[in-house]
C-alpha atoms as a PDB file:
ATOM      1  CA  MET A   1      48.671 181.561 209.103  1.00  0.00           C
ATOM      2  CA  MET A   2      46.167 179.171 210.682  1.00  0.00           C
ATOM      3  CA  GLY A   3      42.532 179.932 209.885  1.00  0.00           C
ATOM      4  CA  GLN A   4      39.376 179.102 211.778  1.00  0.00           C
ATOM      5  CA  CYS A   5      39.249 175.712 213.484  1.00  0.00           C
ATOM      6  CA  ASP A   6      36.617 173.668 211.707  1.00  0.00           C
ATOM      7  CA  PHE A   7      36.190 170.434 209.746  1.00  0.00           C
ATOM      8  CA  THR A   8      36.914 171.864 206.304  1.00  0.00           C
ATOM      9  CA  MET A   9      39.552 170.323 204.082  1.00  0.00           C
ATOM     10  CA  ARG A  10      41.154 173.765 204.014  1.00  0.00           C
ATOM     11  CA  HIS A  11      41.801 173.566 207.741  1.00  0.00           C
ATOM     12  CA  TYR A  12      42.961 169.969 207.453  1.00  0.00           C
ATOM     13  CA  ARG A  13      45.645 171.105 205.002  1.00  0.00           C
ATOM     14  CA  GLU A  14      46.604 173.932 207.372  1.00  0.00           C
ATOM     15  CA  ILE A  15      47.090 171.438 210.213  1.00  0.00           C
ATOM     16  CA  LEU A  16      49.386 169.264 208.108  1.00  0.00           C
ATOM     17  CA  GLU A  17      51.369 172.205 206.759  1.00  0.00           C
ATOM     18  CA  SER A  18      51.868 173.612 210.268  1.00  0.00           C
ATOM     19  CA  ALA A  19      52.984 170.215 211.585  1.00  0.00           C
ATOM     20  CA  LEU A  20      55.541 169.925 208.785  1.00  0.00           C
ATOM     21  CA  GLU A  21      56.831 173.432 209.500  1.00  0.00           C
ATOM     22  CA  MET A  22      57.290 172.456 213.151  1.00  0.00           C
ATOM     23  CA  GLY A  23      59.439 169.482 212.182  1.00  0.00           C
ATOM     24  CA  TYR A  24      57.011 166.614 212.663  1.00  0.00           C
ATOM     25  CA  GLN A  25      57.865 163.508 210.652  1.00  0.00           C
ATOM     26  CA  PHE A  26      54.767 161.687 209.436  1.00  0.00           C
ATOM     27  CA  SER A  27      54.588 157.915 209.102  1.00  0.00           C
ATOM     28  CA  THR A  28      52.211 155.026 208.628  1.00  0.00           C
ATOM     29  CA  PHE A  29      51.676 152.510 211.409  1.00  0.00           C
ATOM     30  CA  ALA A  30      53.657 149.974 209.395  1.00  0.00           C
ATOM     31  CA  ASP A  31      56.808 152.091 209.314  1.00  0.00           C
ATOM     32  CA  HIS A  32      56.461 154.197 212.469  1.00  0.00           C
ATOM     33  CA  GLU A  33      59.439 152.498 214.118  1.00  0.00           C
ATOM     34  CA  SER A  34      61.764 153.845 211.430  1.00  0.00           C
ATOM     35  CA  VAL A  35      61.062 157.491 212.284  1.00  0.00           C
ATOM     36  CA  THR A  36      64.225 159.313 213.372  1.00  0.00           C
ATOM     37  CA  ALA A  37      62.957 162.861 213.911  1.00  0.00           C
ATOM     38  CA  PRO A  38      62.360 164.039 217.511  1.00  0.00           C
ATOM     39  CA  ARG A  39      58.803 164.915 216.562  1.00  0.00           C
ATOM     40  CA  GLN A  40      56.601 162.148 215.174  1.00  0.00           C
ATOM     41  CA  PHE A  41      53.078 162.340 213.738  1.00  0.00           C
ATOM     42  CA  LEU A  42      50.986 159.213 213.134  1.00  0.00           C
ATOM     43  CA  MET A  43      47.947 160.103 211.036  1.00  0.00           C
ATOM     44  CA  ARG A  44      45.190 157.506 211.059  1.00  0.00           C
ATOM     45  CA  HIS A  45      41.870 157.429 209.173  1.00  0.00           C
ATOM     46  CA  ASP A  46      39.000 154.982 209.797  1.00  0.00           C
ATOM     47  CA  ILE A  47      36.997 154.320 206.618  1.00  0.00           C
ATOM     48  CA  ASP A  48      33.740 153.722 208.438  1.00  0.00           C
ATOM     49  CA  LEU A  49      31.174 154.855 205.878  1.00  0.00           C
ATOM     50  CA  SER A  50      32.667 156.510 202.817  1.00  0.00           C
ATOM     51  CA  ILE A  51      35.701 155.814 200.668  1.00  0.00           C
ATOM     52  CA  ASP A  52      35.389 159.154 198.868  1.00  0.00           C
ATOM     53  CA  ASN A  53      35.658 161.280 202.004  1.00  0.00           C
ATOM     54  CA  CYS A  54      38.864 159.550 203.016  1.00  0.00           C
ATOM     55  CA  LEU A  55      40.302 159.676 199.518  1.00  0.00           C
ATOM     56  CA  ALA A  56      40.137 163.474 199.792  1.00  0.00           C
ATOM     57  CA  PHE A  57      42.481 163.220 202.806  1.00  0.00           C
ATOM     58  CA  ALA A  58      44.790 160.888 200.902  1.00  0.00           C
ATOM     59  CA  ARG A  59      45.189 163.286 197.991  1.00  0.00           C
ATOM     60  CA  VAL A  60      45.969 166.275 200.205  1.00  0.00           C
ATOM     61  CA  GLU A  61      48.512 164.242 202.164  1.00  0.00           C
ATOM     62  CA  HIS A  62      50.177 163.024 198.987  1.00  0.00           C
ATOM     63  CA  GLU A  63      50.545 166.604 197.736  1.00  0.00           C
ATOM     64  CA  LEU A  64      52.393 167.418 200.961  1.00  0.00           C
ATOM     65  CA  GLY A  65      54.598 164.310 200.872  1.00  0.00           C
ATOM     66  CA  ILE A  66      52.800 162.658 203.791  1.00  0.00           C
ATOM     67  CA  ALA A  67      51.915 158.971 204.169  1.00  0.00           C
ATOM     68  CA  SER A  68      49.213 157.819 206.575  1.00  0.00           C
ATOM     69  CA  THR A  69      47.221 154.696 207.430  1.00  0.00           C
ATOM     70  CA  TYR A  70      43.647 153.995 206.316  1.00  0.00           C
ATOM     71  CA  PHE A  71      41.680 151.296 208.152  1.00  0.00           C
ATOM     72  CA  VAL A  72      39.281 149.391 205.884  1.00  0.00           C
ATOM     73  CA  ARG A  73      36.151 147.495 206.908  1.00  0.00           C
ATOM     74  CA  VAL A  74      35.085 144.335 205.101  1.00  0.00           C
ATOM     75  CA  HIS A  75      31.525 144.358 206.554  1.00  0.00           C
ATOM     76  CA  ALA A  76      30.624 147.971 205.773  1.00  0.00           C
ATOM     77  CA  ARG A  77      27.047 148.565 204.651  1.00  0.00           C
ATOM     78  CA  LEU A  78      27.878 151.480 202.334  1.00  0.00           C
ATOM     79  CA  TYR A  79      30.952 150.140 200.559  1.00  0.00           C
ATOM     80  CA  ASN A  80      32.355 146.818 199.377  1.00  0.00           C
ATOM     81  CA  PRO A  81      36.179 146.680 199.105  1.00  0.00           C
ATOM     82  CA  PHE A  82      35.984 144.366 196.076  1.00  0.00           C
ATOM     83  CA  GLU A  83      33.303 146.324 194.208  1.00  0.00           C
ATOM     84  CA  PHE A  84      34.789 147.836 191.040  1.00  0.00           C
ATOM     85  CA  HIS A  85      34.715 151.556 191.911  1.00  0.00           C
ATOM     86  CA  THR A  86      35.737 150.999 195.537  1.00  0.00           C
ATOM     87  CA  TYR A  87      38.525 148.621 194.562  1.00  0.00           C
ATOM     88  CA  ARG A  88      39.996 151.185 192.166  1.00  0.00           C
ATOM     89  CA  LYS A  89      39.925 153.798 194.917  1.00  0.00           C
ATOM     90  CA  LEU A  90      41.664 151.479 197.377  1.00  0.00           C
ATOM     91  CA  ARG A  91      44.373 150.991 194.783  1.00  0.00           C
ATOM     92  CA  GLU A  92      44.656 154.771 194.518  1.00  0.00           C
ATOM     93  CA  PHE A  93      45.347 155.015 198.257  1.00  0.00           C
ATOM     94  CA  GLU A  94      48.296 152.712 197.757  1.00  0.00           C
ATOM     95  CA  ARG A  95      49.526 154.491 194.635  1.00  0.00           C
ATOM     96  CA  LEU A  96      49.568 157.669 196.708  1.00  0.00           C
ATOM     97  CA  GLY A  97      51.879 155.953 199.207  1.00  0.00           C
ATOM     98  CA  HIS A  98      49.444 155.222 202.025  1.00  0.00           C
ATOM     99  CA  GLU A  99      49.039 152.063 204.103  1.00  0.00           C
ATOM    100  CA  LEU A 100      45.760 150.124 203.995  1.00  0.00           C
ATOM    101  CA  ALA A 101      45.019 148.266 207.227  1.00  0.00           C
ATOM    102  CA  LEU A 102      42.191 146.246 208.763  1.00  0.00           C
ATOM    103  CA  HIS A 103      39.311 147.894 210.619  1.00  0.00           C
ATOM    104  CA  TYR A 104      38.137 144.686 212.275  1.00  0.00           C
ATOM    105  CA  GLU A 105      34.719 144.194 213.842  1.00  0.00           C
ATOM    106  CA  ALA A 106      34.533 141.873 216.812  1.00  0.00           C
ATOM    107  CA  GLY A 107      30.873 142.773 217.298  1.00  0.00           C
ATOM    108  CA  TYR A 108      29.973 141.420 213.877  1.00  0.00           C
ATOM    109  CA  ALA A 109      30.841 137.875 214.889  1.00  0.00           C
ATOM    110  CA  ALA A 110      28.893 138.207 218.120  1.00  0.00           C
ATOM    111  CA  ALA A 111      25.850 139.435 216.201  1.00  0.00           C
ATOM    112  CA  VAL A 112      25.829 136.391 213.905  1.00  0.00           C
ATOM    113  CA  GLY A 113      26.740 133.911 216.646  1.00  0.00           C
ATOM    114  CA  GLU A 114      30.258 133.032 215.500  1.00  0.00           C
ATOM    115  CA  ASP A 115      33.677 132.987 217.117  1.00  0.00           C
ATOM    116  CA  GLU A 116      35.114 136.499 217.242  1.00  0.00           C
ATOM    117  CA  ALA A 117      38.800 135.605 216.906  1.00  0.00           C
ATOM    118  CA  GLN A 118      38.124 133.339 213.940  1.00  0.00           C
ATOM    119  CA  MET A 119      36.034 136.041 212.300  1.00  0.00           C
ATOM    120  CA  VAL A 120      38.792 138.636 212.671  1.00  0.00           C
ATOM    121  CA  ARG A 121      41.300 136.241 211.119  1.00  0.00           C
ATOM    122  CA  ARG A 122      38.890 135.719 208.225  1.00  0.00           C
ATOM    123  CA  GLU A 123      38.479 139.486 207.827  1.00  0.00           C
ATOM    124  CA  LYS A 124      42.253 139.852 207.573  1.00  0.00           C
ATOM    125  CA  THR A 125      42.448 137.014 205.038  1.00  0.00           C
ATOM    126  CA  ILE A 126      39.712 138.635 202.957  1.00  0.00           C
ATOM    127  CA  LEU A 127      41.376 142.056 202.929  1.00  0.00           C
ATOM    128  CA  GLU A 128      44.738 140.541 202.074  1.00  0.00           C
ATOM    129  CA  ALA A 129      43.162 138.609 199.203  1.00  0.00           C
ATOM    130  CA  ILE A 130      41.587 141.804 197.878  1.00  0.00           C
ATOM    131  CA  LEU A 131      44.801 143.811 198.137  1.00  0.00           C
ATOM    132  CA  ASP A 132      47.062 140.905 197.152  1.00  0.00           C
ATOM    133  CA  HIS A 133      49.629 141.601 199.873  1.00  0.00           C
ATOM    134  CA  PRO A 134      50.000 141.149 203.659  1.00  0.00           C
ATOM    135  CA  VAL A 135      48.214 143.464 206.092  1.00  0.00           C
ATOM    136  CA  VAL A 136      50.272 144.236 209.217  1.00  0.00           C
ATOM    137  CA  SER A 137      48.189 146.835 211.073  1.00  0.00           C
ATOM    138  CA  ALA A 138      44.676 146.758 212.507  1.00  0.00           C
ATOM    139  CA  ALA A 139      42.266 148.821 214.579  1.00  0.00           C
ATOM    140  CA  ALA A 140      39.023 147.776 216.229  1.00  0.00           C
ATOM    141  CA  HIS A 141      35.828 149.327 214.867  1.00  0.00           C
ATOM    142  CA  LEU A 142      33.752 150.839 217.706  1.00  0.00           C
ATOM    143  CA  PRO A 143      35.938 149.293 220.443  1.00  0.00           C
ATOM    144  CA  GLY A 144      33.871 150.906 223.194  1.00  0.00           C
ATOM    145  CA  LYS A 145      30.739 149.122 221.992  1.00  0.00           C
ATOM    146  CA  SER A 146      31.968 145.994 220.224  1.00  0.00           C
ATOM    147  CA  GLY A 147      35.187 145.266 222.124  1.00  0.00           C
ATOM    148  CA  LYS A 148      38.832 144.901 221.122  1.00  0.00           C
ATOM    149  CA  LEU A 149      40.412 141.491 220.575  1.00  0.00           C
ATOM    150  CA  ILE A 150      43.937 142.249 219.461  1.00  0.00           C
ATOM    151  CA  THR A 151      46.595 143.229 222.002  1.00  0.00           C
ATOM    152  CA  GLU A 152      50.363 143.718 221.984  1.00  0.00           C
ATOM    153  CA  ALA A 153      50.695 140.196 223.380  1.00  0.00           C
ATOM    154  CA  ASN A 154      48.506 138.358 220.875  1.00  0.00           C
ATOM    155  CA  ALA A 155      48.934 140.450 217.702  1.00  0.00           C
ATOM    156  CA  THR A 156      51.311 137.939 216.123  1.00  0.00           C
ATOM    157  CA  SER A 157      48.733 135.167 216.577  1.00  0.00           C
ATOM    158  CA  PHE A 158      46.521 137.171 214.192  1.00  0.00           C
ATOM    159  CA  GLY A 159      49.409 137.654 211.777  1.00  0.00           C
ATOM    160  CA  LEU A 160      49.647 141.336 212.687  1.00  0.00           C
ATOM    161  CA  ARG A 161      52.311 143.656 214.059  1.00  0.00           C
ATOM    162  CA  TYR A 162      50.258 146.586 215.327  1.00  0.00           C
ATOM    163  CA  GLU A 163      46.845 147.336 216.831  1.00  0.00           C
ATOM    164  CA  ALA A 164      46.029 151.046 216.944  1.00  0.00           C
ATOM    165  CA  TYR A 165      44.350 150.909 220.371  1.00  0.00           C
ATOM    166  CA  THR A 166      47.240 149.317 222.247  1.00  0.00           C
ATOM    167  CA  ALA A 167      49.318 151.201 224.820  1.00  0.00           C
ATOM    168  CA  ARG A 168      52.113 151.711 222.291  1.00  0.00           C
ATOM    169  CA  PHE A 169      49.910 154.222 220.451  1.00  0.00           C
ATOM    170  CA  MET A 170      47.391 155.316 223.075  1.00  0.00           C
ATOM    171  CA  GLU A 171      49.946 156.078 225.801  1.00  0.00           C
ATOM    172  CA  GLY A 172      53.217 156.385 223.881  1.00  0.00           C
ATOM    173  CA  PHE A 173      51.672 159.159 221.783  1.00  0.00           C
ATOM    174  CA  LYS A 174      49.276 162.002 222.486  1.00  0.00           C
ATOM    175  CA  TYR A 175      46.076 160.536 221.051  1.00  0.00           C
ATOM    176  CA  LEU A 176      43.435 162.803 219.520  1.00  0.00           C
ATOM    177  CA  SER A 177      40.240 161.797 217.724  1.00  0.00           C
ATOM    178  CA  ASP A 178      37.408 163.569 215.920  1.00  0.00           C
ATOM    179  CA  SER A 179      34.902 160.899 217.012  1.00  0.00           C
ATOM    180  CA  ASN A 180      31.268 162.041 216.789  1.00  0.00           C
ATOM    181  CA  GLY A 181      32.375 165.136 214.936  1.00  0.00           C
ATOM    182  CA  ARG A 182      34.257 166.876 217.721  1.00  0.00           C
ATOM    183  CA  TRP A 183      37.743 167.056 219.204  1.00  0.00           C
ATOM    184  CA  ARG A 184      37.278 166.303 222.899  1.00  0.00           C
ATOM    185  CA  GLU A 185      40.511 168.080 223.793  1.00  0.00           C
ATOM    186  CA  GLY A 186      40.337 170.815 221.189  1.00  0.00           C
ATOM    187  CA  CYS A 187      41.450 170.865 217.574  1.00  0.00           C
ATOM    188  CA  VAL A 188      44.718 169.199 216.627  1.00  0.00           C
ATOM    189  CA  CYS A 189      46.162 172.565 215.629  1.00  0.00           C
ATOM    190  CA  GLY A 190      46.167 173.621 219.283  1.00  0.00           C
ATOM    191  CA  HIS A 191      48.305 170.609 220.230  1.00  0.00           C
ATOM    192  CA  LEU A 192      51.039 171.099 217.642  1.00  0.00           C
ATOM    193  CA  GLY A 193      54.355 171.832 219.312  1.00  0.00           C
ATOM    194  CA  LYS A 194      53.038 170.843 222.754  1.00  0.00           C
ATOM    195  CA  HIS A 195      53.620 167.106 222.253  1.00  0.00           C
ATOM    196  CA  GLU A 196      56.567 165.422 220.569  1.00  0.00           C
ATOM    197  CA  ARG A 197      54.539 162.402 219.448  1.00  0.00           C
ATOM    198  CA  LEU A 198      51.027 162.701 218.071  1.00  0.00           C
ATOM    199  CA  CYS A 199      48.625 159.948 216.989  1.00  0.00           C
ATOM    200  CA  VAL A 200      45.563 161.489 215.353  1.00  0.00           C
ATOM    201  CA  LEU A 201      42.401 159.710 214.201  1.00  0.00           C
ATOM    202  CA  THR A 202      39.944 161.212 211.727  1.00  0.00           C
ATOM    203  CA  HIS A 203      36.726 159.952 210.162  1.00  0.00           C
ATOM    204  CA  GLY A 204      36.063 161.298 206.677  1.00  0.00           C
ATOM    205  CA  TRP A 205      32.330 161.572 207.270  1.00  0.00           C
ATOM    206  CA  TRP A 206      32.784 164.711 209.385  1.00  0.00           C
ATOM    207  CA  TRP A 207      34.944 166.632 206.910  1.00  0.00           C
ATOM    208  CA  PHE A 208      33.831 168.765 203.971  1.00  0.00           C
ATOM    209  CA  ASP A 209      34.853 171.490 201.522  1.00  0.00           C
ATOM    210  CA  ILE A 210      32.136 174.102 202.130  1.00  0.00           C
ATOM    211  CA  SER A 211      29.296 172.596 204.189  1.00  0.00           C
ATOM    212  CA  PRO A 212      28.542 169.372 206.119  1.00  0.00           C
ATOM    213  CA  VAL A 213      25.526 168.838 203.853  1.00  0.00           C
ATOM    214  CA  GLU A 214      27.974 167.515 201.250  1.00  0.00           C
ATOM    215  CA  ASN A 215      28.027 164.219 203.178  1.00  0.00           C
ATOM    216  CA  TYR A 216      24.311 163.752 203.852  1.00  0.00           C
END
């Protein structure tokens, strides 16, 4: 039975368990085209501020046999993908079967007076060097404020296959996000069974075990 709608990890597990019971097939962005079930669930996580918060998602998903996509920044103030402890955690995401993708920042290049497209290509090269394998998916960080460079038409010119904010995912799926700590259209649990294809974005910073103070 579904409990109270909130941002606890307990409720997050309930959402995933309910989706599985309803026949949703989960996938990463990288392998979403191989899904054969009528109901498809793309789970996406932006690692904006904290690796640890998102790793909690990854472990729950792994326990339930779910793979999702985690978008990694290379300019984050609070974590460095190549720092020892962070690097080990990124490797854990992959050991748990999840996809690591690029959370690119067009606004970063603008702020330092450099070419945005070149900067994004460098970000991808850096992340691939850290992970030691190709990165095929990307999502803009703060697209409403910093812009979005990658489209369906030009993705291959960046060496990518998918951009999370393109029509394929924003219109081909029912898109839901917990941006700013709230679901604008109500909690995901209320949408289960009403849409055959769901693309859901979470940010680990808003989620907790007992109280939001755990993250501050």
